[in-house]
Structure formats: C-alpha cells, structure tokens
Amino acid sequence: MRSKMTARQSPFSRRGSRPRRSVIVRVFARYFHLPRAQLAFESLGAKVLPGAFPREVRAMDAYSIWREVPAYAVYFARLSLDEHAEPVSFRPVKFLMSLFF
C-alpha cells in the first residue's frame, strides 16, 4: 500500500485551520520521507515524535533521495512565504524526458 502523508492529507489540514487541542503525530515512512513529513505536520502545529522506518536500503532509494532533497527545500521555502501553501508534485525524470520526447 502506498501512502502520501503530506500536510494536505493530515486530518487537520483544512486551509487556515489549526488543531484545537495538542496533537502528537508519529510518522511511519521510508527514511527519506521523514524530514518533509515532519516539516508538514509541524507547520500545522502538531508535535512530531521520532518516526519509524524500515532499516533496509534499496537501490531505488538513490532516486527517491534525489527527489526528496530539493522537494524539502522547495516545501520549506513555500511554507516560509505562505504558511498555507499546498504541496506541489514534481517528477524530475518525467520533466527531463519531456525535454527530449
């Protein structure tokens, strides 16, 4: 099962809303998703406990890390400018292929 837990999917993410009570979240994801997920939940006012992730490393992780590093930077910059910014999806390989095909 694939899951995309970003600020948009969190239970208290309606534009401009904040949780009415203290919310504690524990994130379970691949290790390269944890920093951005933590940023998303903290921007909504939730306290994030250290997440859990599988300890194995796969070759595909190199591609995922390549996507997550700039995604974190972009998400951080967008949240700095507008605290209600929605996540944006960008696929670098699709973009590169569109330049040639």
N, C-alpha and C. Protein backbone atom coordinates (compact mmCIF):
# COMPACT_ATOMS: atom_id res chain seq x y z
N MET A 1 0.83 -1.18 0.00
CA MET A 1 0.00 0.00 0.00
C MET A 1 0.88 1.24 0.00
N ARG A 2 0.60 2.15 -0.90
CA ARG A 2 1.36 3.39 -0.95
C ARG A 2 0.59 4.48 -0.22
N SER A 3 1.33 5.29 0.51
CA SER A 3 0.69 6.36 1.26
C SER A 3 1.44 7.66 1.02
N LYS A 4 0.71 8.73 0.86
CA LYS A 4 1.32 10.04 0.70
C LYS A 4 0.84 10.91 1.84
N MET A 5 1.57 10.92 2.94
CA MET A 5 1.18 11.72 4.08
C MET A 5 1.87 13.07 4.01
N THR A 6 1.18 14.03 3.51
CA THR A 6 1.67 15.39 3.50
C THR A 6 0.67 16.23 4.27
N ALA A 7 0.93 17.48 4.35
CA ALA A 7 0.01 18.36 5.08
C ALA A 7 -1.39 18.27 4.50
N ARG A 8 -1.50 18.06 3.19
CA ARG A 8 -2.81 18.03 2.55
C ARG A 8 -3.65 16.86 3.05
N GLN A 9 -3.04 15.73 3.37
CA GLN A 9 -3.80 14.56 3.80
C GLN A 9 -3.98 14.48 5.31
N SER A 10 -3.37 15.35 6.06
CA SER A 10 -3.48 15.24 7.51
C SER A 10 -4.90 15.61 7.95
N PRO A 11 -5.37 15.08 9.06
CA PRO A 11 -6.76 15.26 9.45
C PRO A 11 -7.13 16.69 9.82
N PHE A 12 -6.17 17.56 10.10
CA PHE A 12 -6.50 18.92 10.49
C PHE A 12 -5.91 19.92 9.51
N SER A 13 -5.90 19.58 8.23
CA SER A 13 -5.19 20.40 7.26
C SER A 13 -6.07 21.37 6.48
N ARG A 14 -7.30 21.52 6.84
CA ARG A 14 -8.12 22.48 6.09
C ARG A 14 -7.44 23.83 6.09
N ARG A 15 -7.49 24.46 4.96
CA ARG A 15 -6.79 25.73 4.77
C ARG A 15 -7.08 26.70 5.92
N GLY A 16 -6.03 27.10 6.58
CA GLY A 16 -6.15 28.07 7.65
C GLY A 16 -6.53 27.49 9.00
N SER A 17 -6.76 26.19 9.09
CA SER A 17 -7.16 25.64 10.37
C SER A 17 -5.97 25.09 11.12
N ARG A 18 -6.06 25.08 12.38
CA ARG A 18 -5.06 24.51 13.27
C ARG A 18 -5.79 23.57 14.21
N PRO A 19 -5.10 22.59 14.73
CA PRO A 19 -5.78 21.69 15.66
C PRO A 19 -6.24 22.46 16.90
N ARG A 20 -7.40 22.10 17.42
CA ARG A 20 -7.94 22.79 18.59
C ARG A 20 -7.26 22.34 19.87
N ARG A 21 -6.71 21.16 19.85
CA ARG A 21 -6.01 20.65 21.01
C ARG A 21 -4.63 20.20 20.58
N SER A 22 -3.83 19.89 21.54
CA SER A 22 -2.48 19.44 21.22
C SER A 22 -2.53 18.10 20.49
N VAL A 23 -1.88 18.04 19.33
CA VAL A 23 -1.87 16.82 18.53
C VAL A 23 -0.44 16.30 18.47
N ILE A 24 -0.30 15.02 18.74
CA ILE A 24 1.01 14.37 18.66
C ILE A 24 0.94 13.36 17.53
N VAL A 25 1.93 13.41 16.64
CA VAL A 25 1.95 12.56 15.46
C VAL A 25 3.24 11.75 15.44
N ARG A 26 3.12 10.49 15.09
CA ARG A 26 4.31 9.67 14.83
C ARG A 26 4.23 9.26 13.36
N VAL A 27 5.30 9.53 12.63
CA VAL A 27 5.32 9.27 11.20
C VAL A 27 6.03 7.94 10.94
N PHE A 28 5.39 7.09 10.14
CA PHE A 28 5.97 5.83 9.71
C PHE A 28 6.13 5.91 8.20
N ALA A 29 7.36 5.92 7.72
CA ALA A 29 7.60 6.06 6.28
C ALA A 29 9.03 5.63 5.98
N ARG A 30 9.38 5.65 4.71
CA ARG A 30 10.77 5.42 4.35
C ARG A 30 11.60 6.56 4.91
N TYR A 31 12.85 6.31 5.25
CA TYR A 31 13.67 7.30 5.95
C TYR A 31 13.81 8.61 5.19
N PHE A 32 13.76 8.60 3.87
CA PHE A 32 13.94 9.83 3.11
C PHE A 32 12.70 10.71 3.11
N HIS A 33 11.55 10.17 3.52
CA HIS A 33 10.32 10.97 3.61
C HIS A 33 10.15 11.65 4.97
N LEU A 34 10.85 11.18 5.98
CA LEU A 34 10.62 11.66 7.35
C LEU A 34 10.84 13.16 7.53
N PRO A 35 11.93 13.76 7.02
CA PRO A 35 12.12 15.20 7.27
C PRO A 35 10.99 16.07 6.70
N ARG A 36 10.54 15.77 5.48
CA ARG A 36 9.49 16.58 4.88
C ARG A 36 8.15 16.34 5.56
N ALA A 37 7.88 15.10 5.96
CA ALA A 37 6.64 14.81 6.69
C ALA A 37 6.64 15.54 8.03
N GLN A 38 7.78 15.55 8.70
CA GLN A 38 7.89 16.26 9.97
C GLN A 38 7.66 17.76 9.76
N LEU A 39 8.24 18.33 8.73
CA LEU A 39 8.04 19.74 8.41
C LEU A 39 6.56 20.03 8.15
N ALA A 40 5.89 19.16 7.41
CA ALA A 40 4.47 19.37 7.09
C ALA A 40 3.62 19.37 8.35
N PHE A 41 3.82 18.39 9.23
CA PHE A 41 3.00 18.31 10.43
C PHE A 41 3.33 19.42 11.42
N GLU A 42 4.60 19.77 11.55
CA GLU A 42 4.97 20.85 12.46
C GLU A 42 4.43 22.19 11.98
N SER A 43 4.35 22.37 10.66
CA SER A 43 3.80 23.63 10.14
C SER A 43 2.31 23.77 10.46
N LEU A 44 1.66 22.65 10.75
CA LEU A 44 0.25 22.66 11.13
C LEU A 44 0.06 22.69 12.64
N GLY A 45 1.15 22.72 13.38
CA GLY A 45 1.06 22.82 14.83
C GLY A 45 1.09 21.51 15.59
N ALA A 46 1.37 20.42 14.92
CA ALA A 46 1.43 19.13 15.60
C ALA A 46 2.83 18.89 16.13
N LYS A 47 2.91 18.18 17.23
CA LYS A 47 4.20 17.76 17.75
C LYS A 47 4.52 16.41 17.11
N VAL A 48 5.71 16.28 16.54
CA VAL A 48 6.07 15.06 15.83
C VAL A 48 7.06 14.26 16.67
N LEU A 49 6.68 13.04 17.00
CA LEU A 49 7.58 12.12 17.69
C LEU A 49 8.54 11.52 16.67
N PRO A 50 9.68 11.05 17.13
CA PRO A 50 10.60 10.42 16.17
C PRO A 50 9.90 9.31 15.40
N GLY A 51 10.08 9.30 14.10
CA GLY A 51 9.40 8.34 13.24
C GLY A 51 10.09 7.00 13.20
N ALA A 52 9.41 6.06 12.65
CA ALA A 52 9.94 4.72 12.46
C ALA A 52 10.03 4.45 10.97
N PHE A 53 11.04 3.71 10.58
CA PHE A 53 11.22 3.40 9.17
C PHE A 53 11.93 2.06 9.03
N PRO A 54 11.74 1.39 7.89
CA PRO A 54 12.44 0.12 7.66
C PRO A 54 13.94 0.37 7.58
N ARG A 55 14.72 -0.54 8.07
CA ARG A 55 16.17 -0.36 8.12
C ARG A 55 16.88 -0.76 6.82
N GLU A 56 16.18 -1.34 5.88
CA GLU A 56 16.83 -1.78 4.64
C GLU A 56 17.05 -0.59 3.68
N VAL A 57 18.05 -0.71 2.87
CA VAL A 57 18.35 0.31 1.86
C VAL A 57 18.25 -0.38 0.50
N ARG A 58 17.54 0.24 -0.42
CA ARG A 58 17.37 -0.32 -1.76
C ARG A 58 18.02 0.61 -2.78
N ALA A 59 18.32 0.09 -3.94
CA ALA A 59 18.93 0.90 -5.00
C ALA A 59 18.02 2.05 -5.41
N MET A 60 16.72 1.82 -5.40
CA MET A 60 15.76 2.86 -5.78
C MET A 60 15.78 4.05 -4.82
N ASP A 61 16.33 3.85 -3.63
CA ASP A 61 16.40 4.94 -2.65
C ASP A 61 17.24 6.11 -3.16
N ALA A 62 18.23 5.84 -4.00
CA ALA A 62 19.05 6.93 -4.54
C ALA A 62 18.19 7.90 -5.34
N TYR A 63 17.28 7.37 -6.15
CA TYR A 63 16.37 8.22 -6.92
C TYR A 63 15.43 8.98 -5.98
N SER A 64 14.92 8.29 -4.97
CA SER A 64 13.99 8.91 -4.04
C SER A 64 14.65 10.03 -3.24
N ILE A 65 15.88 9.81 -2.83
CA ILE A 65 16.61 10.85 -2.11
C ILE A 65 16.86 12.03 -3.03
N TRP A 66 17.18 11.74 -4.29
CA TRP A 66 17.40 12.80 -5.29
C TRP A 66 16.15 13.67 -5.42
N ARG A 67 14.98 13.08 -5.29
CA ARG A 67 13.73 13.85 -5.35
C ARG A 67 13.42 14.55 -4.04
N GLU A 68 13.69 13.91 -2.92
CA GLU A 68 13.30 14.46 -1.63
C GLU A 68 14.12 15.68 -1.20
N VAL A 69 15.40 15.71 -1.52
CA VAL A 69 16.24 16.84 -1.08
C VAL A 69 15.72 18.16 -1.66
N PRO A 70 15.55 18.29 -2.98
CA PRO A 70 15.01 19.55 -3.48
C PRO A 70 13.55 19.76 -3.07
N ALA A 71 12.79 18.68 -2.91
CA ALA A 71 11.38 18.82 -2.50
C ALA A 71 11.30 19.43 -1.11
N TYR A 72 12.18 19.01 -0.21
CA TYR A 72 12.19 19.59 1.14
C TYR A 72 12.52 21.07 1.07
N ALA A 73 13.52 21.43 0.28
CA ALA A 73 13.93 22.83 0.16
C ALA A 73 12.79 23.68 -0.40
N VAL A 74 12.13 23.19 -1.43
CA VAL A 74 11.02 23.94 -2.04
C VAL A 74 9.86 24.06 -1.05
N TYR A 75 9.52 22.97 -0.38
CA TYR A 75 8.41 22.99 0.58
C TYR A 75 8.71 23.94 1.73
N PHE A 76 9.95 23.91 2.22
CA PHE A 76 10.36 24.80 3.31
C PHE A 76 10.25 26.26 2.87
N ALA A 77 10.73 26.56 1.67
CA ALA A 77 10.67 27.94 1.16
C ALA A 77 9.22 28.39 0.98
N ARG A 78 8.38 27.51 0.43
CA ARG A 78 6.97 27.88 0.23
C ARG A 78 6.26 28.10 1.55
N LEU A 79 6.54 27.27 2.56
CA LEU A 79 5.92 27.46 3.87
C LEU A 79 6.43 28.72 4.55
N SER A 80 7.68 29.09 4.28
CA SER A 80 8.22 30.33 4.84
C SER A 80 7.50 31.54 4.27
N LEU A 81 7.13 31.48 3.00
CA LEU A 81 6.45 32.60 2.35
C LEU A 81 4.95 32.61 2.63
N ASP A 82 4.34 31.42 2.69
CA ASP A 82 2.90 31.31 2.90
C ASP A 82 2.64 30.07 3.74
N GLU A 83 2.21 30.26 4.98
CA GLU A 83 2.04 29.10 5.87
C GLU A 83 0.92 28.17 5.44
N HIS A 84 0.09 28.59 4.49
CA HIS A 84 -1.00 27.75 3.99
C HIS A 84 -0.68 27.14 2.63
N ALA A 85 0.57 27.13 2.25
CA ALA A 85 0.97 26.61 0.94
C ALA A 85 0.62 25.13 0.82
N GLU A 86 0.14 24.75 -0.33
CA GLU A 86 -0.19 23.36 -0.62
C GLU A 86 1.04 22.66 -1.20
N PRO A 87 1.22 21.36 -0.94
CA PRO A 87 2.34 20.63 -1.54
C PRO A 87 2.23 20.60 -3.06
N VAL A 88 3.36 20.56 -3.72
CA VAL A 88 3.42 20.52 -5.18
C VAL A 88 4.13 19.24 -5.59
N SER A 89 3.64 18.59 -6.62
CA SER A 89 4.28 17.38 -7.11
C SER A 89 5.16 17.72 -8.30
N PHE A 90 6.40 17.28 -8.25
CA PHE A 90 7.33 17.49 -9.35
C PHE A 90 8.09 16.19 -9.57
N ARG A 91 8.07 15.68 -10.77
CA ARG A 91 8.75 14.44 -11.11
C ARG A 91 9.93 14.77 -12.01
N PRO A 92 11.15 14.78 -11.49
CA PRO A 92 12.31 15.18 -12.29
C PRO A 92 12.54 14.33 -13.54
N VAL A 93 12.35 13.03 -13.43
CA VAL A 93 12.59 12.17 -14.60
C VAL A 93 11.56 12.46 -15.68
N LYS A 94 10.29 12.62 -15.31
CA LYS A 94 9.27 12.96 -16.29
C LYS A 94 9.59 14.30 -16.96
N PHE A 95 10.06 15.25 -16.17
CA PHE A 95 10.41 16.55 -16.72
C PHE A 95 11.56 16.43 -17.71
N LEU A 96 12.60 15.70 -17.34
CA LEU A 96 13.75 15.52 -18.23
C LEU A 96 13.34 14.79 -19.52
N MET A 97 12.47 13.80 -19.41
CA MET A 97 12.02 13.07 -20.59
C MET A 97 11.17 13.97 -21.49
N SER A 98 10.40 14.88 -20.89
CA SER A 98 9.57 15.78 -21.71
C SER A 98 10.42 16.73 -22.53
N LEU A 99 11.63 16.97 -22.12
CA LEU A 99 12.52 17.86 -22.88
C LEU A 99 12.99 17.20 -24.19
N PHE A 100 13.04 15.86 -24.18
CA PHE A 100 13.59 15.15 -25.32
C PHE A 100 12.55 14.42 -26.16
N PHE A 101 11.39 14.12 -25.59
CA PHE A 101 10.39 13.33 -26.32
C PHE A 101 9.10 14.07 -26.46
